[in-house]
PDB file of N, CA and C in Angstrom:
ATOM      1  N   TYR A   1     -63.678   3.377 -46.175  1.00  0.00           N
ATOM      2  CA  TYR A   1     -63.629   4.242 -45.027  1.00  0.00           C
ATOM      3  C   TYR A   1     -64.213   5.589 -45.416  1.00  0.00           C
ATOM      4  N   ASN A   2     -65.003   6.168 -44.581  1.00  0.00           N
ATOM      5  CA  ASN A   2     -65.576   7.484 -44.837  1.00  0.00           C
ATOM      6  C   ASN A   2     -64.795   8.555 -44.095  1.00  0.00           C
ATOM      7  N   GLU A   3     -64.392   9.578 -44.803  1.00  0.00           N
ATOM      8  CA  GLU A   3     -63.769  10.777 -44.257  1.00  0.00           C
ATOM      9  C   GLU A   3     -62.712  10.487 -43.198  1.00  0.00           C
ATOM     10  N   GLN A   4     -61.703   9.706 -43.556  1.00  0.00           N
ATOM     11  CA  GLN A   4     -60.558   9.472 -42.695  1.00  0.00           C
ATOM     12  C   GLN A   4     -59.533  10.572 -42.936  1.00  0.00           C
ATOM     13  N   SER A   5     -58.895  11.041 -41.891  1.00  0.00           N
ATOM     14  CA  SER A   5     -57.922  12.121 -42.017  1.00  0.00           C
ATOM     15  C   SER A   5     -56.626  11.624 -42.636  1.00  0.00           C
ATOM     16  N   LEU A   6     -56.058  12.461 -43.503  1.00  0.00           N
ATOM     17  CA  LEU A   6     -54.757  12.208 -44.117  1.00  0.00           C
ATOM     18  C   LEU A   6     -53.866  13.405 -43.847  1.00  0.00           C
ATOM     19  N   ALA A   7     -52.616  13.156 -43.512  1.00  0.00           N
ATOM     20  CA  ALA A   7     -51.637  14.234 -43.404  1.00  0.00           C
ATOM     21  C   ALA A   7     -50.931  14.334 -44.748  1.00  0.00           C
ATOM     22  N   ILE A   8     -51.056  15.481 -45.398  1.00  0.00           N
ATOM     23  CA  ILE A   8     -50.434  15.692 -46.701  1.00  0.00           C
ATOM     24  C   ILE A   8     -49.308  16.694 -46.526  1.00  0.00           C
ATOM     25  N   HIS A   9     -48.087  16.239 -46.848  1.00  0.00           N
ATOM     26  CA  HIS A   9     -46.899  17.077 -46.696  1.00  0.00           C
ATOM     27  C   HIS A   9     -46.599  17.757 -48.021  1.00  0.00           C
ATOM     28  N   GLY A  10     -46.441  19.062 -47.988  1.00  0.00           N
ATOM     29  CA  GLY A  10     -46.175  19.812 -49.214  1.00  0.00           C
ATOM     30  C   GLY A  10     -45.239  20.970 -48.957  1.00  0.00           C
ATOM     31  N   ARG A  11     -45.114  21.819 -49.953  1.00  0.00           N
ATOM     32  CA  ARG A  11     -44.220  22.979 -49.865  1.00  0.00           C
ATOM     33  C   ARG A  11     -44.601  23.920 -48.729  1.00  0.00           C
ATOM     34  N   ASN A  12     -45.870  23.966 -48.400  1.00  0.00           N
ATOM     35  CA  ASN A  12     -46.352  24.893 -47.369  1.00  0.00           C
ATOM     36  C   ASN A  12     -46.537  24.224 -46.014  1.00  0.00           C
ATOM     37  N   GLY A  13     -45.880  23.091 -45.814  1.00  0.00           N
ATOM     38  CA  GLY A  13     -46.005  22.379 -44.550  1.00  0.00           C
ATOM     39  C   GLY A  13     -46.962  21.209 -44.650  1.00  0.00           C
ATOM     40  N   THR A  14     -47.438  20.760 -43.520  1.00  0.00           N
ATOM     41  CA  THR A  14     -48.338  19.612 -43.448  1.00  0.00           C
ATOM     42  C   THR A  14     -49.770  20.092 -43.263  1.00  0.00           C
ATOM     43  N   GLU A  15     -50.665  19.515 -44.050  1.00  0.00           N
ATOM     44  CA  GLU A  15     -52.084  19.830 -43.947  1.00  0.00           C
ATOM     45  C   GLU A  15     -52.856  18.545 -43.669  1.00  0.00           C
ATOM     46  N   ILE A  16     -53.893  18.648 -42.889  1.00  0.00           N
ATOM     47  CA  ILE A  16     -54.779  17.511 -42.633  1.00  0.00           C
ATOM     48  C   ILE A  16     -55.970  17.642 -43.579  1.00  0.00           C
ATOM     49  N   ARG A  17     -56.208  16.595 -44.362  1.00  0.00           N
ATOM     50  CA  ARG A  17     -57.311  16.581 -45.326  1.00  0.00           C
ATOM     51  C   ARG A  17     -58.142  15.332 -45.127  1.00  0.00           C
ATOM     52  N   ARG A  18     -59.377  15.363 -45.637  1.00  0.00           N
ATOM     53  CA  ARG A  18     -60.290  14.226 -45.482  1.00  0.00           C
ATOM     54  C   ARG A  18     -60.993  13.912 -46.797  1.00  0.00           C
ATOM     55  N   PRO A  19     -60.518  12.889 -47.512  1.00  0.00           N
ATOM     56  CA  PRO A  19     -61.265  12.471 -48.706  1.00  0.00           C
ATOM     57  C   PRO A  19     -62.628  11.920 -48.279  1.00  0.00           C
ATOM     58  N   ASP A  20     -63.601  12.034 -49.171  1.00  0.00           N
ATOM     59  CA  ASP A  20     -64.952  11.581 -48.835  1.00  0.00           C
ATOM     60  C   ASP A  20     -65.030  10.078 -48.612  1.00  0.00           C
ATOM     61  N   ARG A  21     -64.308   9.310 -49.417  1.00  0.00           N
ATOM     62  CA  ARG A  21     -64.360   7.856 -49.273  1.00  0.00           C
ATOM     63  C   ARG A  21     -63.057   7.237 -49.754  1.00  0.00           C
ATOM     64  N   VAL A  22     -62.592   6.244 -48.993  1.00  0.00           N
ATOM     65  CA  VAL A  22     -61.456   5.418 -49.395  1.00  0.00           C
ATOM     66  C   VAL A  22     -61.923   3.973 -49.300  1.00  0.00           C
ATOM     67  N   VAL A  23     -61.767   3.234 -50.394  1.00  0.00           N
ATOM     68  CA  VAL A  23     -62.206   1.844 -50.467  1.00  0.00           C
ATOM     69  C   VAL A  23     -60.987   0.963 -50.698  1.00  0.00           C
ATOM     70  N   GLN A  24     -60.914  -0.142 -49.959  1.00  0.00           N
ATOM     71  CA  GLN A  24     -59.855  -1.113 -50.197  1.00  0.00           C
ATOM     72  C   GLN A  24     -60.423  -2.241 -51.042  1.00  0.00           C
ATOM     73  N   ARG A  25     -59.781  -2.478 -52.176  1.00  0.00           N
ATOM     74  CA  ARG A  25     -60.198  -3.571 -53.063  1.00  0.00           C
ATOM     75  C   ARG A  25     -59.681  -4.902 -52.519  1.00  0.00           C
ATOM     76  N   PRO A  26     -60.247  -6.024 -52.974  1.00  0.00           N
ATOM     77  CA  PRO A  26     -59.789  -7.336 -52.512  1.00  0.00           C
ATOM     78  C   PRO A  26     -58.293  -7.575 -52.739  1.00  0.00           C
ATOM     79  N   ASP A  27     -57.714  -6.951 -53.778  1.00  0.00           N
ATOM     80  CA  ASP A  27     -56.282  -7.140 -54.046  1.00  0.00           C
ATOM     81  C   ASP A  27     -55.399  -6.241 -53.179  1.00  0.00           C
ATOM     82  N   GLY A  28     -56.000  -5.439 -52.294  1.00  0.00           N
ATOM     83  CA  GLY A  28     -55.243  -4.573 -51.398  1.00  0.00           C
ATOM     84  C   GLY A  28     -55.043  -3.159 -51.916  1.00  0.00           C
ATOM     85  N   SER A  29     -55.307  -2.931 -53.194  1.00  0.00           N
ATOM     86  CA  SER A  29     -55.176  -1.575 -53.730  1.00  0.00           C
ATOM     87  C   SER A  29     -56.286  -0.695 -53.151  1.00  0.00           C
ATOM     88  N   LEU A  30     -56.084   0.608 -53.243  1.00  0.00           N
ATOM     89  CA  LEU A  30     -57.031   1.558 -52.665  1.00  0.00           C
ATOM     90  C   LEU A  30     -57.668   2.418 -53.740  1.00  0.00           C
ATOM     91  N   VAL A  31     -58.894   2.842 -53.482  1.00  0.00           N
ATOM     92  CA  VAL A  31     -59.626   3.744 -54.375  1.00  0.00           C
ATOM     93  C   VAL A  31     -60.077   4.942 -53.543  1.00  0.00           C
ATOM     94  N   VAL A  32     -59.741   6.133 -54.009  1.00  0.00           N
ATOM     95  CA  VAL A  32     -60.195   7.374 -53.376  1.00  0.00           C
ATOM     96  C   VAL A  32     -61.332   7.935 -54.217  1.00  0.00           C
ATOM     97  N   VAL A  33     -62.444   8.285 -53.568  1.00  0.00           N
ATOM     98  CA  VAL A  33     -63.568   8.917 -54.261  1.00  0.00           C
ATOM     99  C   VAL A  33     -63.884  10.215 -53.529  1.00  0.00           C
ATOM    100  N   ASP A  34     -63.939  11.302 -54.274  1.00  0.00           N
ATOM    101  CA  ASP A  34     -64.332  12.577 -53.690  1.00  0.00           C
ATOM    102  C   ASP A  34     -65.566  13.070 -54.419  1.00  0.00           C
ATOM    103  N   TYR A  35     -66.606  13.414 -53.666  1.00  0.00           N
ATOM    104  CA  TYR A  35     -67.872  13.878 -54.231  1.00  0.00           C
ATOM    105  C   TYR A  35     -67.832  15.392 -54.361  1.00  0.00           C
ATOM    106  N   LYS A  36     -68.317  15.893 -55.471  1.00  0.00           N
ATOM    107  CA  LYS A  36     -68.388  17.339 -55.690  1.00  0.00           C
ATOM    108  C   LYS A  36     -69.777  17.688 -56.202  1.00  0.00           C
ATOM    109  N   PHE A  37     -70.309  18.780 -55.702  1.00  0.00           N
ATOM    110  CA  PHE A  37     -71.638  19.218 -56.121  1.00  0.00           C
ATOM    111  C   PHE A  37     -71.585  20.505 -56.929  1.00  0.00           C
ATOM    112  N   ALA A  38     -70.401  21.076 -57.056  1.00  0.00           N
ATOM    113  CA  ALA A  38     -70.203  22.276 -57.878  1.00  0.00           C
ATOM    114  C   ALA A  38     -69.753  21.844 -59.272  1.00  0.00           C
ATOM    115  N   ALA A  39     -69.563  22.804 -60.141  1.00  0.00           N
ATOM    116  CA  ALA A  39     -69.057  22.525 -61.491  1.00  0.00           C
ATOM    117  C   ALA A  39     -67.626  21.998 -61.398  1.00  0.00           C
ATOM    118  N   PRO A  40     -67.231  21.108 -62.318  1.00  0.00           N
ATOM    119  CA  PRO A  40     -65.867  20.591 -62.319  1.00  0.00           C
ATOM    120  C   PRO A  40     -64.835  21.719 -62.419  1.00  0.00           C
ATOM    121  N   GLU A  41     -63.764  21.562 -61.639  1.00  0.00           N
ATOM    122  CA  GLU A  41     -62.663  22.522 -61.638  1.00  0.00           C
ATOM    123  C   GLU A  41     -61.345  21.765 -61.567  1.00  0.00           C
ATOM    124  N   ASP A  42     -60.285  22.376 -62.098  1.00  0.00           N
ATOM    125  CA  ASP A  42     -58.960  21.757 -62.066  1.00  0.00           C
ATOM    126  C   ASP A  42     -58.496  21.477 -60.638  1.00  0.00           C
ATOM    127  N   ARG A  43     -58.870  22.337 -59.718  1.00  0.00           N
ATOM    128  CA  ARG A  43     -58.422  22.142 -58.333  1.00  0.00           C
ATOM    129  C   ARG A  43     -58.998  20.864 -57.723  1.00  0.00           C
ATOM    130  N   HIS A  44     -60.137  20.405 -58.203  1.00  0.00           N
ATOM    131  CA  HIS A  44     -60.702  19.142 -57.724  1.00  0.00           C
ATOM    132  C   HIS A  44     -59.777  17.984 -58.098  1.00  0.00           C
ATOM    133  N   VAL A  45     -59.261  18.028 -59.320  1.00  0.00           N
ATOM    134  CA  VAL A  45     -58.332  16.988 -59.780  1.00  0.00           C
ATOM    135  C   VAL A  45     -57.076  17.002 -58.913  1.00  0.00           C
ATOM    136  N   ARG A  46     -56.514  18.179 -58.681  1.00  0.00           N
ATOM    137  CA  ARG A  46     -55.311  18.288 -57.848  1.00  0.00           C
ATOM    138  C   ARG A  46     -55.570  17.753 -56.439  1.00  0.00           C
ATOM    139  N   GLN A  47     -56.748  18.026 -55.922  1.00  0.00           N
ATOM    140  CA  GLN A  47     -57.101  17.570 -54.578  1.00  0.00           C
ATOM    141  C   GLN A  47     -57.092  16.040 -54.501  1.00  0.00           C
ATOM    142  N   VAL A  48     -57.751  15.377 -55.437  1.00  0.00           N
ATOM    143  CA  VAL A  48     -57.807  13.912 -55.414  1.00  0.00           C
ATOM    144  C   VAL A  48     -56.428  13.318 -55.668  1.00  0.00           C
ATOM    145  N   ARG A  49     -55.661  13.911 -56.552  1.00  0.00           N
ATOM    146  CA  ARG A  49     -54.292  13.428 -56.781  1.00  0.00           C
ATOM    147  C   ARG A  49     -53.447  13.565 -55.519  1.00  0.00           C
ATOM    148  N   GLY A  50     -53.665  14.627 -54.767  1.00  0.00           N
ATOM    149  CA  GLY A  50     -52.964  14.787 -53.486  1.00  0.00           C
ATOM    150  C   GLY A  50     -53.341  13.701 -52.501  1.00  0.00           C
ATOM    151  N   TYR A  51     -54.627  13.400 -52.408  1.00  0.00           N
ATOM    152  CA  TYR A  51     -55.078  12.313 -51.536  1.00  0.00           C
ATOM    153  C   TYR A  51     -54.440  10.991 -51.948  1.00  0.00           C
ATOM    154  N   ALA A  52     -54.476  10.702 -53.237  1.00  0.00           N
ATOM    155  CA  ALA A  52     -53.944   9.432 -53.740  1.00  0.00           C
ATOM    156  C   ALA A  52     -52.448   9.329 -53.474  1.00  0.00           C
ATOM    157  N   GLY A  53     -51.727  10.404 -53.718  1.00  0.00           N
ATOM    158  CA  GLY A  53     -50.289  10.397 -53.468  1.00  0.00           C
ATOM    159  C   GLY A  53     -49.966  10.171 -52.004  1.00  0.00           C
ATOM    160  N   ALA A  54     -50.692  10.832 -51.120  1.00  0.00           N
ATOM    161  CA  ALA A  54     -50.460  10.671 -49.686  1.00  0.00           C
ATOM    162  C   ALA A  54     -50.764   9.246 -49.237  1.00  0.00           C
ATOM    163  N   LEU A  55     -51.845   8.675 -49.750  1.00  0.00           N
ATOM    164  CA  LEU A  55     -52.180   7.291 -49.397  1.00  0.00           C
ATOM    165  C   LEU A  55     -51.134   6.314 -49.908  1.00  0.00           C
ATOM    166  N   HIS A  56     -50.646   6.545 -51.118  1.00  0.00           N
ATOM    167  CA  HIS A  56     -49.620   5.655 -51.669  1.00  0.00           C
ATOM    168  C   HIS A  56     -48.344   5.716 -50.830  1.00  0.00           C
ATOM    169  N   VAL A  57     -47.924   6.920 -50.467  1.00  0.00           N
ATOM    170  CA  VAL A  57     -46.721   7.068 -49.640  1.00  0.00           C
ATOM    171  C   VAL A  57     -46.924   6.400 -48.282  1.00  0.00           C
ATOM    172  N   ALA A  58     -48.089   6.581 -47.686  1.00  0.00           N
ATOM    173  CA  ALA A  58     -48.354   6.041 -46.352  1.00  0.00           C
ATOM    174  C   ALA A  58     -48.485   4.524 -46.332  1.00  0.00           C
ATOM    175  N   THR A  59     -49.028   3.940 -47.417  1.00  0.00           N
ATOM    176  CA  THR A  59     -49.336   2.502 -47.402  1.00  0.00           C
ATOM    177  C   THR A  59     -48.470   1.670 -48.333  1.00  0.00           C
ATOM    178  N   GLY A  60     -47.875   2.307 -49.352  1.00  0.00           N
ATOM    179  CA  GLY A  60     -47.131   1.563 -50.367  1.00  0.00           C
ATOM    180  C   GLY A  60     -48.025   0.829 -51.353  1.00  0.00           C
ATOM    181  N   ARG A  61     -49.316   1.008 -51.237  1.00  0.00           N
ATOM    182  CA  ARG A  61     -50.271   0.314 -52.111  1.00  0.00           C
ATOM    183  C   ARG A  61     -50.588   1.147 -53.346  1.00  0.00           C
ATOM    184  N   PRO A  62     -50.976   0.481 -54.436  1.00  0.00           N
ATOM    185  CA  PRO A  62     -51.468   1.226 -55.601  1.00  0.00           C
ATOM    186  C   PRO A  62     -52.768   1.947 -55.232  1.00  0.00           C
ATOM    187  N   VAL A  63     -52.927   3.162 -55.755  1.00  0.00           N
ATOM    188  CA  VAL A  63     -54.114   3.968 -55.453  1.00  0.00           C
ATOM    189  C   VAL A  63     -54.666   4.547 -56.751  1.00  0.00           C
ATOM    190  N   THR A  64     -55.967   4.420 -56.947  1.00  0.00           N
ATOM    191  CA  THR A  64     -56.648   5.126 -58.032  1.00  0.00           C
ATOM    192  C   THR A  64     -57.571   6.153 -57.390  1.00  0.00           C
ATOM    193  N   GLY A  65     -57.882   7.195 -58.155  1.00  0.00           N
ATOM    194  CA  GLY A  65     -58.713   8.254 -57.604  1.00  0.00           C
ATOM    195  C   GLY A  65     -59.786   8.694 -58.579  1.00  0.00           C
ATOM    196  N   TYR A  66     -60.954   8.972 -58.045  1.00  0.00           N
ATOM    197  CA  TYR A  66     -62.100   9.379 -58.860  1.00  0.00           C
ATOM    198  C   TYR A  66     -62.749  10.629 -58.283  1.00  0.00           C
ATOM    199  N   LEU A  67     -63.266  11.445 -59.174  1.00  0.00           N
ATOM    200  CA  LEU A  67     -64.164  12.536 -58.828  1.00  0.00           C
ATOM    201  C   LEU A  67     -65.559  12.126 -59.245  1.00  0.00           C
ATOM    202  N   TRP A  68     -66.507  12.318 -58.357  1.00  0.00           N
ATOM    203  CA  TRP A  68     -67.894  11.987 -58.663  1.00  0.00           C
ATOM    204  C   TRP A  68     -68.723  13.250 -58.490  1.00  0.00           C
ATOM    205  N   TYR A  69     -69.358  13.653 -59.578  1.00  0.00           N
ATOM    206  CA  TYR A  69     -70.272  14.789 -59.586  1.00  0.00           C
ATOM    207  C   TYR A  69     -71.687  14.216 -59.726  1.00  0.00           C
ATOM    208  N   PRO A  70     -72.330  13.808 -58.613  1.00  0.00           N
ATOM    209  CA  PRO A  70     -73.606  13.096 -58.709  1.00  0.00           C
ATOM    210  C   PRO A  70     -74.732  13.900 -59.354  1.00  0.00           C
ATOM    211  N   LEU A  71     -74.773  15.195 -59.142  1.00  0.00           N
ATOM    212  CA  LEU A  71     -75.849  15.992 -59.736  1.00  0.00           C
ATOM    213  C   LEU A  71     -75.676  16.165 -61.238  1.00  0.00           C
ATOM    214  N   ARG A  72     -74.457  15.956 -61.716  1.00  0.00           N
ATOM    215  CA  ARG A  72     -74.162  16.092 -63.146  1.00  0.00           C
ATOM    216  C   ARG A  72     -74.008  14.730 -63.828  1.00  0.00           C
ATOM    217  N   HIS A  73     -74.116  13.660 -63.043  1.00  0.00           N
ATOM    218  CA  HIS A  73     -73.979  12.289 -63.558  1.00  0.00           C
ATOM    219  C   HIS A  73     -72.615  12.088 -64.214  1.00  0.00           C
ATOM    220  N   ILE A  74     -71.562  12.577 -63.552  1.00  0.00           N
ATOM    221  CA  ILE A  74     -70.195  12.464 -64.064  1.00  0.00           C
ATOM    222  C   ILE A  74     -69.347  11.732 -63.030  1.00  0.00           C
ATOM    223  N   ILE A  75     -68.637  10.707 -63.491  1.00  0.00           N
ATOM    224  CA  ILE A  75     -67.599  10.053 -62.697  1.00  0.00           C
ATOM    225  C   ILE A  75     -66.339  10.100 -63.540  1.00  0.00           C
ATOM    226  N   GLU A  76     -65.275  10.678 -62.974  1.00  0.00           N
ATOM    227  CA  GLU A  76     -64.043  10.883 -63.733  1.00  0.00           C
ATOM    228  C   GLU A  76     -62.861  10.288 -62.979  1.00  0.00           C
ATOM    229  N   GLN A  77     -62.137   9.370 -63.631  1.00  0.00           N
ATOM    230  CA  GLN A  77     -60.917   8.851 -63.022  1.00  0.00           C
ATOM    231  C   GLN A  77     -59.814   9.867 -63.252  1.00  0.00           C
ATOM    232  N   VAL A  78     -59.144  10.268 -62.173  1.00  0.00           N
ATOM    233  CA  VAL A  78     -58.102  11.290 -62.276  1.00  0.00           C
ATOM    234  C   VAL A  78     -56.732  10.780 -61.857  1.00  0.00           C
ATOM    235  N   VAL A  79     -56.676   9.582 -61.307  1.00  0.00           N
ATOM    236  CA  VAL A  79     -55.402   8.948 -60.940  1.00  0.00           C
ATOM    237  C   VAL A  79     -55.489   7.502 -61.366  1.00  0.00           C
TER     238      VAL A  79
END
């Protein structure tokens, strides 16, 4: 799925976020991929972990998460 909205509940209330891509594997588990074109930052990791956590709570399915920096040729699993 491309850019589907997620409601993420946190200390500061509920926020609507949109991961770049969510893929369902044949076994039912989910993969979150977020594309970044800037230099890697810690906040990118927190963002993908937030997406993965929200998806896991909403679906009960296992979720892995990746950051993809296409201009830097970096793919990093963060969840």
